[in-house]
């Protein structure tokens, strides 16, 4: 009798152990891949065709948190379903950027960042215009210096241009060297230097 009771107890214990092992193996086989960040935040089961899974991996929960906070999960789901698959990645990147900008700046959001970038572009364009104007001025000055050096080496022959860079566009500007050339009027007017102060007149024409 005692032997029969012992055998029955061992059989029941083995059955319990086998059932526990079976349940453990069953739970292990039934556990699928980890849910995406969206389904994990929403506390729902991540289905096989989840629209969020390709763009919100489980290791980046904050990526969907801001998008859900600003736009709402239902609105994002409807938006992604209306967009072709090849453009959904770009749409998600835009939504994430706008959501993060709105979290950082609740008043202006991404508009503030865009306005700041536009101001930087305008400032850089103004600096570029000034640099280009300075390059033109330096080139004109360099051309003028080269022309003067060539004229000096050639003995004044060739071109009669001797003005400054500012007079290049004004052909009526008088030449500086013209005042130093001898003219008949200047030759006619001479200074007489008499032997004594009694001789007069001092100027003669």
N, C-alpha and C. Protein backbone atom coordinates (compact mmCIF):
# COMPACT_ATOMS: atom_id res chain seq x y z
N UNK A 1 0.84 -1.21 0.00
CA UNK A 1 0.00 0.00 0.00
C UNK A 1 0.86 1.24 0.00
N UNK A 2 1.87 1.22 0.87
CA UNK A 2 2.76 2.37 0.92
C UNK A 2 3.50 2.54 -0.39
N UNK A 3 3.89 1.45 -1.00
CA UNK A 3 4.61 1.56 -2.28
C UNK A 3 3.70 2.15 -3.36
N UNK A 4 2.47 1.82 -3.35
CA UNK A 4 1.53 2.36 -4.35
C UNK A 4 1.36 3.87 -4.17
N UNK A 5 1.26 4.33 -2.88
CA UNK A 5 1.12 5.76 -2.62
C UNK A 5 2.35 6.52 -3.08
N UNK A 6 3.55 5.94 -2.86
CA UNK A 6 4.79 6.61 -3.27
C UNK A 6 4.88 6.73 -4.77
N UNK A 7 4.47 5.69 -5.47
CA UNK A 7 4.50 5.73 -6.94
C UNK A 7 3.53 6.78 -7.47
N UNK A 8 2.38 6.88 -6.85
CA UNK A 8 1.39 7.88 -7.29
C UNK A 8 1.89 9.30 -7.06
N UNK A 9 2.56 9.52 -5.93
CA UNK A 9 3.09 10.86 -5.64
C UNK A 9 4.17 11.25 -6.65
N UNK A 10 5.03 10.32 -6.98
CA UNK A 10 6.09 10.60 -7.96
C UNK A 10 5.49 10.90 -9.33
N UNK A 11 4.46 10.19 -9.67
CA UNK A 11 3.82 10.42 -10.97
C UNK A 11 3.19 11.80 -11.04
N UNK A 12 2.53 12.21 -9.96
CA UNK A 12 1.90 13.54 -9.95
C UNK A 12 2.94 14.64 -9.99
N UNK A 13 4.06 14.44 -9.28
CA UNK A 13 5.12 15.45 -9.31
C UNK A 13 5.74 15.59 -10.68
N UNK A 14 5.93 14.44 -11.34
CA UNK A 14 6.48 14.52 -12.69
C UNK A 14 5.53 15.19 -13.66
N UNK A 15 4.23 14.96 -13.47
CA UNK A 15 3.26 15.61 -14.36
C UNK A 15 3.25 17.11 -14.18
N UNK A 16 3.37 17.54 -12.92
CA UNK A 16 3.41 18.98 -12.69
C UNK A 16 4.65 19.62 -13.30
N UNK A 17 5.79 18.96 -13.16
CA UNK A 17 7.03 19.51 -13.73
C UNK A 17 6.93 19.58 -15.25
N UNK A 18 6.37 18.52 -15.83
CA UNK A 18 6.23 18.54 -17.29
C UNK A 18 5.29 19.64 -17.76
N UNK A 19 4.20 19.86 -16.99
CA UNK A 19 3.28 20.93 -17.37
C UNK A 19 3.91 22.30 -17.27
N UNK A 20 4.71 22.50 -16.23
CA UNK A 20 5.40 23.79 -16.08
C UNK A 20 6.36 24.02 -17.22
N UNK A 21 7.10 22.97 -17.59
CA UNK A 21 8.05 23.11 -18.70
C UNK A 21 7.33 23.40 -20.00
N UNK A 22 6.19 22.71 -20.18
CA UNK A 22 5.44 22.94 -21.41
C UNK A 22 4.90 24.36 -21.49
N UNK A 23 4.39 24.85 -20.34
CA UNK A 23 3.88 26.21 -20.32
C UNK A 23 4.98 27.23 -20.58
N UNK A 24 6.17 26.95 -20.01
CA UNK A 24 7.28 27.87 -20.22
C UNK A 24 7.70 27.89 -21.67
N UNK A 25 7.77 26.69 -22.27
CA UNK A 25 8.15 26.64 -23.68
C UNK A 25 7.09 27.28 -24.56
N UNK A 26 5.84 27.10 -24.17
CA UNK A 26 4.78 27.72 -24.96
C UNK A 26 4.82 29.23 -24.88
N UNK A 27 5.08 29.78 -23.70
CA UNK A 27 5.16 31.24 -23.58
C UNK A 27 6.36 31.78 -24.31
N UNK A 28 7.46 31.01 -24.31
CA UNK A 28 8.64 31.48 -25.02
C UNK A 28 8.43 31.50 -26.51
N UNK A 29 7.75 30.48 -27.04
CA UNK A 29 7.52 30.43 -28.48
C UNK A 29 6.50 31.44 -28.92
N UNK A 30 5.58 31.81 -28.02
CA UNK A 30 4.56 32.77 -28.41
C UNK A 30 5.02 34.20 -28.37
N UNK A 31 6.11 34.54 -27.67
CA UNK A 31 6.58 35.91 -27.58
C UNK A 31 7.23 36.30 -28.90
N UNK A 32 6.68 37.30 -29.61
CA UNK A 32 7.22 37.75 -30.89
C UNK A 32 8.25 38.85 -30.70
N UNK A 33 8.54 39.60 -31.76
CA UNK A 33 9.50 40.71 -31.67
C UNK A 33 8.98 41.82 -30.77
N UNK A 34 9.91 42.63 -30.31
CA UNK A 34 9.53 43.73 -29.42
C UNK A 34 8.64 44.72 -30.15
N UNK A 35 7.65 45.28 -29.48
CA UNK A 35 6.77 46.25 -30.16
C UNK A 35 7.53 47.53 -30.50
N UNK A 36 7.02 48.24 -31.48
CA UNK A 36 7.66 49.50 -31.87
C UNK A 36 7.45 50.54 -30.78
N UNK A 37 8.17 51.65 -30.92
CA UNK A 37 8.09 52.69 -29.89
C UNK A 37 6.69 53.28 -29.79
N UNK A 38 5.98 53.35 -30.93
CA UNK A 38 4.63 53.92 -30.91
C UNK A 38 3.67 53.01 -30.16
N UNK A 39 3.68 51.73 -30.50
CA UNK A 39 2.77 50.81 -29.83
C UNK A 39 3.13 50.64 -28.36
N UNK A 40 4.41 50.69 -28.05
CA UNK A 40 4.81 50.58 -26.65
C UNK A 40 4.34 51.78 -25.85
N UNK A 41 4.41 52.98 -26.45
CA UNK A 41 3.94 54.17 -25.75
C UNK A 41 2.42 54.16 -25.63
N UNK A 42 1.76 53.70 -26.67
CA UNK A 42 0.30 53.64 -26.64
C UNK A 42 -0.23 52.42 -25.89
N UNK A 43 0.65 51.53 -25.47
CA UNK A 43 0.30 50.34 -24.71
C UNK A 43 -0.72 49.47 -25.45
N UNK A 44 -0.35 49.17 -26.67
CA UNK A 44 -1.20 48.29 -27.47
C UNK A 44 -0.30 47.27 -28.16
N UNK A 45 -0.94 46.25 -28.69
CA UNK A 45 -0.19 45.20 -29.37
C UNK A 45 0.28 45.70 -30.73
N UNK A 46 1.54 45.41 -31.05
CA UNK A 46 2.11 45.85 -32.33
C UNK A 46 1.81 44.78 -33.37
N UNK A 47 0.91 45.07 -34.26
CA UNK A 47 0.50 44.10 -35.27
C UNK A 47 1.58 43.94 -36.33
N UNK A 48 1.38 42.96 -37.18
CA UNK A 48 2.39 42.68 -38.22
C UNK A 48 2.49 43.83 -39.22
N UNK A 49 1.37 44.44 -39.57
CA UNK A 49 1.38 45.53 -40.54
C UNK A 49 1.29 46.90 -39.89
N UNK A 50 1.92 47.07 -38.73
CA UNK A 50 1.86 48.36 -38.03
C UNK A 50 2.51 49.45 -38.88
N UNK A 51 1.81 50.55 -39.05
CA UNK A 51 2.32 51.62 -39.90
C UNK A 51 3.46 52.38 -39.23
N UNK A 52 3.55 52.29 -37.91
CA UNK A 52 4.61 53.00 -37.18
C UNK A 52 5.91 52.20 -37.09
N UNK A 53 5.84 50.89 -37.18
CA UNK A 53 7.00 50.03 -36.91
C UNK A 53 8.21 50.35 -37.76
N UNK A 54 8.09 50.60 -39.07
CA UNK A 54 9.31 50.85 -39.86
C UNK A 54 10.02 52.16 -39.53
N UNK A 55 9.34 53.09 -38.88
CA UNK A 55 9.90 54.43 -38.69
C UNK A 55 10.15 54.80 -37.23
N UNK A 56 9.58 54.03 -36.31
CA UNK A 56 9.77 54.30 -34.88
C UNK A 56 10.23 53.00 -34.20
N UNK A 57 11.53 52.71 -34.25
CA UNK A 57 12.04 51.46 -33.67
C UNK A 57 11.91 51.46 -32.16
N UNK A 58 11.97 50.28 -31.55
CA UNK A 58 11.79 50.19 -30.09
C UNK A 58 12.87 50.92 -29.30
N UNK A 59 14.07 51.04 -29.88
CA UNK A 59 15.15 51.68 -29.13
C UNK A 59 15.11 53.19 -29.13
N UNK A 60 14.13 53.81 -29.78
CA UNK A 60 14.04 55.28 -29.83
C UNK A 60 12.64 55.72 -29.38
N UNK A 61 12.32 55.55 -28.12
CA UNK A 61 10.96 55.92 -27.66
C UNK A 61 10.71 57.42 -27.69
N UNK A 62 11.78 58.23 -27.47
CA UNK A 62 11.58 59.68 -27.46
C UNK A 62 11.23 60.22 -28.84
N UNK A 63 11.59 59.49 -29.88
CA UNK A 63 11.31 59.95 -31.24
C UNK A 63 9.82 60.06 -31.50
N UNK A 64 9.07 59.06 -31.02
CA UNK A 64 7.62 59.09 -31.20
C UNK A 64 6.92 59.89 -30.11
N UNK A 65 7.56 60.03 -28.97
CA UNK A 65 6.90 60.72 -27.86
C UNK A 65 6.58 62.16 -28.22
N UNK A 66 7.56 62.88 -28.81
CA UNK A 66 7.32 64.27 -29.18
C UNK A 66 6.31 64.38 -30.32
N UNK A 67 6.38 63.44 -31.28
CA UNK A 67 5.43 63.47 -32.40
C UNK A 67 4.01 63.25 -31.88
N UNK A 68 3.86 62.32 -30.97
CA UNK A 68 2.53 62.05 -30.41
C UNK A 68 2.04 63.23 -29.57
N UNK A 69 2.96 63.89 -28.89
CA UNK A 69 2.57 65.02 -28.05
C UNK A 69 2.11 66.21 -28.88
N UNK A 70 2.74 66.43 -30.02
CA UNK A 70 2.42 67.61 -30.83
C UNK A 70 1.30 67.33 -31.82
N UNK A 71 1.36 66.21 -32.53
CA UNK A 71 0.41 65.94 -33.61
C UNK A 71 -0.68 64.94 -33.24
N UNK A 72 -0.38 64.01 -32.35
CA UNK A 72 -1.34 62.97 -32.01
C UNK A 72 -1.12 61.72 -32.85
N UNK A 73 -1.21 60.57 -32.20
CA UNK A 73 -0.93 59.31 -32.89
C UNK A 73 -1.94 59.02 -34.01
N UNK A 74 -3.20 59.32 -33.79
CA UNK A 74 -4.21 59.04 -34.82
C UNK A 74 -3.99 59.90 -36.07
N UNK A 75 -3.64 61.16 -35.87
CA UNK A 75 -3.39 62.03 -37.02
C UNK A 75 -2.16 61.58 -37.80
N UNK A 76 -1.13 61.16 -37.09
CA UNK A 76 0.08 60.69 -37.77
C UNK A 76 -0.21 59.40 -38.53
N UNK A 77 -1.01 58.52 -37.93
CA UNK A 77 -1.36 57.27 -38.61
C UNK A 77 -2.14 57.53 -39.89
N UNK A 78 -3.11 58.43 -39.84
CA UNK A 78 -3.87 58.77 -41.05
C UNK A 78 -2.99 59.41 -42.10
N UNK A 79 -2.07 60.27 -41.66
CA UNK A 79 -1.19 60.93 -42.61
C UNK A 79 -0.28 59.94 -43.33
N UNK A 80 0.29 59.01 -42.58
CA UNK A 80 1.18 58.02 -43.18
C UNK A 80 0.44 57.09 -44.13
N UNK A 81 -0.78 56.77 -43.83
CA UNK A 81 -1.56 55.89 -44.70
C UNK A 81 -1.93 56.58 -46.01
N UNK A 82 -2.03 57.89 -46.00
CA UNK A 82 -2.36 58.62 -47.22
C UNK A 82 -1.15 58.90 -48.10
N UNK A 83 0.06 58.77 -47.55
CA UNK A 83 1.29 59.06 -48.29
C UNK A 83 1.82 57.77 -48.90
N UNK A 84 2.35 57.81 -50.12
CA UNK A 84 2.97 56.61 -50.70
C UNK A 84 4.12 56.09 -49.83
N UNK A 85 4.36 54.81 -49.93
CA UNK A 85 5.35 54.18 -49.06
C UNK A 85 6.73 54.77 -49.27
N UNK A 86 7.09 55.10 -50.51
CA UNK A 86 8.43 55.61 -50.78
C UNK A 86 8.66 57.00 -50.21
N UNK A 87 7.60 57.70 -49.81
CA UNK A 87 7.74 59.05 -49.26
C UNK A 87 7.46 59.11 -47.76
N UNK A 88 7.14 58.00 -47.15
CA UNK A 88 6.79 58.02 -45.73
C UNK A 88 8.00 58.33 -44.85
N UNK A 89 9.17 57.85 -45.25
CA UNK A 89 10.38 58.14 -44.45
C UNK A 89 10.66 59.62 -44.36
N UNK A 90 10.54 60.34 -45.49
CA UNK A 90 10.75 61.79 -45.48
C UNK A 90 9.67 62.49 -44.66
N UNK A 91 8.45 62.00 -44.75
CA UNK A 91 7.37 62.61 -43.97
C UNK A 91 7.61 62.44 -42.47
N UNK A 92 8.06 61.27 -42.07
CA UNK A 92 8.35 61.04 -40.65
C UNK A 92 9.50 61.92 -40.18
N UNK A 93 10.53 62.06 -41.00
CA UNK A 93 11.65 62.94 -40.63
C UNK A 93 11.18 64.38 -40.44
N UNK A 94 10.29 64.84 -41.32
CA UNK A 94 9.75 66.19 -41.19
C UNK A 94 8.91 66.34 -39.93
N UNK A 95 8.08 65.33 -39.65
CA UNK A 95 7.26 65.39 -38.44
C UNK A 95 8.10 65.39 -37.18
N UNK A 96 9.14 64.59 -37.16
CA UNK A 96 10.02 64.54 -35.99
C UNK A 96 10.73 65.88 -35.80
N UNK A 97 11.22 66.47 -36.89
CA UNK A 97 11.91 67.76 -36.78
C UNK A 97 10.96 68.85 -36.28
N UNK A 98 9.77 68.91 -36.85
CA UNK A 98 8.81 69.93 -36.43
C UNK A 98 8.37 69.72 -34.99
N UNK A 99 8.19 68.48 -34.59
CA UNK A 99 7.78 68.20 -33.21
C UNK A 99 8.88 68.59 -32.23
N UNK A 100 10.11 68.24 -32.53
CA UNK A 100 11.22 68.61 -31.64
C UNK A 100 11.38 70.13 -31.57
N UNK A 101 11.21 70.83 -32.70
CA UNK A 101 11.31 72.29 -32.69
C UNK A 101 10.17 72.91 -31.88
N UNK A 102 8.98 72.32 -31.97
CA UNK A 102 7.85 72.85 -31.20
C UNK A 102 8.04 72.62 -29.71
N UNK A 103 8.66 71.50 -29.36
CA UNK A 103 8.92 71.24 -27.94
C UNK A 103 9.96 72.22 -27.40
N UNK A 104 10.99 72.51 -28.20
CA UNK A 104 12.02 73.47 -27.77
C UNK A 104 11.48 74.89 -27.72
N UNK A 105 10.69 75.25 -28.72
CA UNK A 105 10.15 76.61 -28.80
C UNK A 105 8.64 76.51 -29.00
N UNK A 106 7.87 76.51 -27.92
CA UNK A 106 6.42 76.32 -28.07
C UNK A 106 5.73 77.44 -28.83
N UNK A 107 6.34 78.63 -28.92
CA UNK A 107 5.68 79.76 -29.56
C UNK A 107 5.88 79.73 -31.08
N UNK A 108 7.13 79.68 -31.53
CA UNK A 108 7.44 79.76 -32.95
C UNK A 108 7.71 78.40 -33.59
N UNK A 109 8.20 77.46 -32.84
CA UNK A 109 8.47 76.16 -33.41
C UNK A 109 9.55 76.20 -34.47
N UNK A 110 9.33 75.47 -35.56
CA UNK A 110 10.33 75.44 -36.64
C UNK A 110 10.37 76.75 -37.41
N UNK A 111 9.33 77.58 -37.30
CA UNK A 111 9.34 78.87 -38.00
C UNK A 111 10.45 79.76 -37.45
N UNK A 112 10.68 79.69 -36.15
CA UNK A 112 11.77 80.48 -35.57
C UNK A 112 13.12 80.05 -36.10
N UNK A 113 13.33 78.74 -36.24
CA UNK A 113 14.60 78.25 -36.79
C UNK A 113 14.76 78.66 -38.24
N UNK A 114 13.69 78.58 -39.02
CA UNK A 114 13.76 78.97 -40.43
C UNK A 114 14.03 80.47 -40.55
N UNK A 115 13.40 81.29 -39.72
CA UNK A 115 13.63 82.73 -39.76
C UNK A 115 15.08 83.06 -39.40
N UNK A 116 15.63 82.38 -38.42
CA UNK A 116 17.02 82.60 -38.05
C UNK A 116 17.96 82.24 -39.18
N UNK A 117 17.69 81.14 -39.86
CA UNK A 117 18.53 80.74 -40.99
C UNK A 117 18.42 81.73 -42.15
N UNK A 118 17.22 82.26 -42.39
CA UNK A 118 17.06 83.25 -43.44
C UNK A 118 17.85 84.53 -43.13
N UNK A 119 17.85 84.95 -41.88
CA UNK A 119 18.64 86.12 -41.50
C UNK A 119 20.13 85.87 -41.70
N UNK A 120 20.59 84.69 -41.39
CA UNK A 120 22.00 84.37 -41.61
C UNK A 120 22.33 84.39 -43.10
N UNK A 121 21.42 83.88 -43.92
CA UNK A 121 21.66 83.89 -45.37
C UNK A 121 21.73 85.32 -45.89
N UNK A 122 20.84 86.19 -45.44
CA UNK A 122 20.86 87.59 -45.88
C UNK A 122 22.14 88.29 -45.45
N UNK A 123 22.60 88.02 -44.23
CA UNK A 123 23.85 88.63 -43.77
C UNK A 123 25.03 88.15 -44.59
N UNK A 124 25.06 86.87 -44.92
CA UNK A 124 26.15 86.34 -45.73
C UNK A 124 26.10 86.89 -47.15
N UNK A 125 24.91 87.08 -47.69
CA UNK A 125 24.80 87.67 -49.03
C UNK A 125 25.31 89.11 -49.05
N UNK A 126 25.02 89.87 -47.98
CA UNK A 126 25.53 91.24 -47.90
C UNK A 126 27.06 91.24 -47.81
N UNK A 127 27.63 90.36 -47.02
CA UNK A 127 29.09 90.27 -46.93
C UNK A 127 29.70 89.86 -48.27
N UNK A 128 29.05 88.98 -48.99
CA UNK A 128 29.54 88.57 -50.30
C UNK A 128 29.52 89.73 -51.29
N UNK A 129 28.45 90.54 -51.25
CA UNK A 129 28.38 91.69 -52.14
C UNK A 129 29.50 92.69 -51.84
N UNK A 130 29.76 92.94 -50.57
CA UNK A 130 30.86 93.84 -50.20
C UNK A 130 32.20 93.30 -50.66
N UNK A 131 32.40 92.01 -50.50
CA UNK A 131 33.67 91.41 -50.94
C UNK A 131 33.83 91.51 -52.45
N UNK A 132 32.76 91.30 -53.20
CA UNK A 132 32.85 91.42 -54.65
C UNK A 132 33.13 92.87 -55.08
N UNK A 133 32.51 93.84 -54.41
CA UNK A 133 32.79 95.24 -54.73
C UNK A 133 34.24 95.59 -54.41
N UNK A 134 34.76 95.08 -53.32
CA UNK A 134 36.16 95.34 -52.98
C UNK A 134 37.10 94.70 -54.00
N UNK A 135 36.75 93.54 -54.51
CA UNK A 135 37.57 92.90 -55.54
C UNK A 135 37.60 93.73 -56.82
N UNK A 136 36.45 94.29 -57.20
CA UNK A 136 36.41 95.14 -58.40
C UNK A 136 37.25 96.38 -58.20
N UNK A 137 37.17 97.00 -57.01
CA UNK A 137 37.96 98.20 -56.76
C UNK A 137 39.45 97.91 -56.81
N UNK A 138 39.85 96.81 -56.21
CA UNK A 138 41.27 96.46 -56.23
C UNK A 138 41.76 96.14 -57.63
N UNK A 139 40.92 95.51 -58.44
CA UNK A 139 41.31 95.22 -59.81
C UNK A 139 41.50 96.50 -60.62
N UNK A 140 40.59 97.47 -60.44
CA UNK A 140 40.73 98.74 -61.15
C UNK A 140 41.99 99.47 -60.71
N UNK A 141 42.27 99.46 -59.41
CA UNK A 141 43.48 100.10 -58.91
C UNK A 141 44.73 99.42 -59.45
N UNK A 142 44.70 98.10 -59.52
CA UNK A 142 45.85 97.38 -60.05
C UNK A 142 46.06 97.67 -61.53
N UNK A 143 44.97 97.71 -62.30
CA UNK A 143 45.09 98.04 -63.72
C UNK A 143 45.64 99.45 -63.92
N UNK A 144 45.23 100.38 -63.10
CA UNK A 144 45.73 101.76 -63.21
C UNK A 144 47.22 101.83 -62.93
N UNK A 145 47.67 101.11 -61.89
CA UNK A 145 49.10 101.12 -61.55
C UNK A 145 49.91 100.49 -62.66
N UNK A 146 49.44 99.39 -63.21
CA UNK A 146 50.16 98.74 -64.30
C UNK A 146 50.24 99.65 -65.51
N UNK A 147 49.17 100.35 -65.82
CA UNK A 147 49.17 101.26 -66.96
C UNK A 147 50.16 102.41 -66.76
N UNK A 148 50.22 102.95 -65.57
CA UNK A 148 51.16 104.04 -65.31
C UNK A 148 52.60 103.56 -65.41
N UNK A 149 52.88 102.36 -64.92
CA UNK A 149 54.23 101.83 -65.00
C UNK A 149 54.64 101.59 -66.45
N UNK A 150 53.74 101.08 -67.25
CA UNK A 150 54.05 100.87 -68.67
C UNK A 150 54.26 102.20 -69.39
N UNK A 151 53.45 103.19 -69.04
CA UNK A 151 53.61 104.50 -69.66
C UNK A 151 54.94 105.13 -69.27
N UNK A 152 55.35 104.95 -68.01
CA UNK A 152 56.62 105.52 -67.57
C UNK A 152 57.80 104.82 -68.24
N UNK A 153 57.74 103.52 -68.43
CA UNK A 153 58.83 102.80 -69.09
C UNK A 153 58.88 103.12 -70.57
N UNK A 154 57.74 103.40 -71.19
CA UNK A 154 57.72 103.69 -72.61
C UNK A 154 58.02 105.13 -72.95
N UNK A 155 58.32 105.94 -71.98
CA UNK A 155 58.66 107.33 -72.25
C UNK A 155 57.49 108.20 -72.60
N UNK A 156 56.34 107.82 -72.21
CA UNK A 156 55.15 108.64 -72.46
C UNK A 156 54.52 108.38 -73.79
N UNK A 157 55.08 107.44 -74.62
CA UNK A 157 54.50 107.16 -75.92
C UNK A 157 53.28 106.29 -75.80
N UNK A 158 52.60 106.11 -76.90
CA UNK A 158 51.42 105.25 -76.91
C UNK A 158 50.21 105.98 -76.40
N UNK A 159 49.55 105.41 -75.49
CA UNK A 159 48.31 105.99 -74.99
C UNK A 159 48.59 107.25 -74.21
N UNK A 160 47.69 108.20 -74.32
CA UNK A 160 47.84 109.48 -73.61
C UNK A 160 47.10 109.48 -72.29
N UNK A 161 46.58 108.32 -71.84
CA UNK A 161 45.84 108.27 -70.59
C UNK A 161 46.80 108.35 -69.43
N UNK A 162 46.61 109.36 -68.58
CA UNK A 162 47.44 109.51 -67.37
C UNK A 162 46.57 109.84 -66.17
N UNK A 163 45.27 109.64 -66.26
CA UNK A 163 44.38 110.00 -65.16
C UNK A 163 44.37 108.94 -64.08
N UNK A 164 43.51 109.14 -63.08
CA UNK A 164 43.36 108.23 -61.96
C UNK A 164 42.24 107.25 -62.28
N UNK A 165 42.10 106.16 -61.50
CA UNK A 165 41.00 105.23 -61.74
C UNK A 165 39.64 105.86 -61.71
N UNK A 166 39.46 106.93 -60.91
CA UNK A 166 38.15 107.57 -60.83
C UNK A 166 37.82 108.36 -62.08
N UNK A 167 38.85 108.71 -62.90
CA UNK A 167 38.62 109.48 -64.12
C UNK A 167 38.55 108.60 -65.35
N UNK A 168 38.53 107.28 -65.17
CA UNK A 168 38.49 106.39 -66.32
C UNK A 168 37.19 106.54 -67.09
N UNK A 169 36.09 106.83 -66.43
CA UNK A 169 34.80 106.97 -67.09
C UNK A 169 34.49 108.41 -67.44
N UNK A 170 35.42 109.36 -67.24
CA UNK A 170 35.20 110.78 -67.53
C UNK A 170 36.26 111.24 -68.51
N UNK A 171 36.00 111.18 -69.84
CA UNK A 171 37.01 111.57 -70.82
C UNK A 171 37.33 113.05 -70.81
N UNK A 172 36.48 113.90 -70.21
CA UNK A 172 36.71 115.33 -70.21
C UNK A 172 37.65 115.78 -69.11
N UNK A 173 38.09 114.87 -68.26
CA UNK A 173 38.96 115.25 -67.17
C UNK A 173 40.31 115.67 -67.70
N UNK A 174 40.83 116.76 -67.23
CA UNK A 174 42.12 117.28 -67.71
C UNK A 174 43.24 116.39 -67.23
N UNK A 175 44.29 116.24 -68.05
CA UNK A 175 45.44 115.45 -67.70
C UNK A 175 46.31 116.22 -66.74
N UNK A 176 46.80 115.57 -65.65
CA UNK A 176 47.63 116.29 -64.68
C UNK A 176 48.91 116.81 -65.30
N UNK A 177 49.53 116.05 -66.26
CA UNK A 177 50.80 116.47 -66.82
C UNK A 177 50.66 117.63 -67.81
N UNK A 178 49.40 117.95 -68.21
CA UNK A 178 49.23 119.01 -69.20
C UNK A 178 49.67 120.36 -68.64
N UNK A 179 49.63 120.55 -67.34
CA UNK A 179 50.01 121.82 -66.74
C UNK A 179 51.53 121.98 -66.70
N UNK A 180 52.24 120.90 -66.89
CA UNK A 180 53.71 120.97 -66.81
C UNK A 180 54.36 121.11 -68.17
N UNK A 181 53.58 121.04 -69.28
CA UNK A 181 54.16 121.15 -70.61
C UNK A 181 54.31 122.62 -71.00
N UNK A 182 55.36 122.90 -71.78
CA UNK A 182 55.62 124.27 -72.24
C UNK A 182 54.70 124.59 -73.40
N UNK A 183 54.02 125.72 -73.32
CA UNK A 183 53.12 126.19 -74.36
C UNK A 183 53.62 127.53 -74.88
N UNK A 184 53.18 127.96 -76.07
CA UNK A 184 53.63 129.28 -76.58
C UNK A 184 53.30 130.43 -75.65
N UNK A 185 52.14 130.35 -74.97
CA UNK A 185 51.80 131.45 -74.06
C UNK A 185 52.79 131.51 -72.90
N UNK A 186 53.20 130.34 -72.39
CA UNK A 186 54.15 130.35 -71.28
C UNK A 186 55.53 130.80 -71.74
N UNK A 187 55.90 130.48 -72.97
CA UNK A 187 57.21 130.91 -73.48
C UNK A 187 57.27 132.40 -73.73
N UNK A 188 56.11 132.99 -74.13
CA UNK A 188 56.08 134.43 -74.37
C UNK A 188 56.21 135.21 -73.08
N UNK A 189 55.73 134.64 -71.96
CA UNK A 189 55.81 135.36 -70.70
C UNK A 189 57.09 134.96 -69.99
N UNK A 190 58.03 135.81 -69.89
CA UNK A 190 59.32 135.54 -69.27
C UNK A 190 59.55 136.56 -68.17
N UNK A 191 60.44 136.24 -67.30
CA UNK A 191 60.80 137.12 -66.20
C UNK A 191 62.13 137.77 -66.52
N UNK A 192 62.11 139.06 -66.66
CA UNK A 192 63.36 139.79 -66.89
C UNK A 192 64.06 140.02 -65.57
N UNK A 193 65.27 139.73 -65.52
CA UNK A 193 66.08 139.95 -64.32
C UNK A 193 67.14 141.01 -64.64
N UNK A 194 66.87 142.29 -64.45
CA UNK A 194 67.80 143.38 -64.78
C UNK A 194 69.03 143.34 -63.89
N UNK A 195 70.04 144.03 -64.36
CA UNK A 195 71.30 144.06 -63.61
C UNK A 195 71.16 144.82 -62.32
N UNK A 196 70.32 145.84 -62.30
CA UNK A 196 70.12 146.62 -61.09
C UNK A 196 68.64 146.76 -60.83
N UNK A 197 68.29 147.14 -59.64
CA UNK A 197 66.88 147.31 -59.29
C UNK A 197 66.29 148.52 -59.94
N UNK A 198 67.15 149.40 -60.53
CA UNK A 198 66.61 150.62 -61.14
C UNK A 198 65.98 150.34 -62.47
N UNK A 199 66.39 149.23 -63.11
CA UNK A 199 65.82 148.91 -64.41
C UNK A 199 64.37 148.53 -64.24
N UNK A 200 63.53 149.02 -65.12
CA UNK A 200 62.10 148.74 -65.08
C UNK A 200 61.61 148.57 -66.49
N UNK A 201 60.57 147.89 -66.75
CA UNK A 201 59.69 147.24 -65.77
C UNK A 201 60.23 145.85 -65.40
N UNK A 202 59.69 145.29 -64.30
CA UNK A 202 60.16 143.98 -63.83
C UNK A 202 59.62 142.87 -64.74
N UNK A 203 58.27 142.96 -65.06
CA UNK A 203 57.66 141.97 -65.97
C UNK A 203 57.56 142.59 -67.36
N UNK A 204 57.81 141.84 -68.36
CA UNK A 204 57.66 142.28 -69.75
C UNK A 204 56.90 141.22 -70.52
N UNK A 205 56.08 141.62 -71.39
CA UNK A 205 55.25 140.72 -72.19
C UNK A 205 55.58 140.86 -73.65
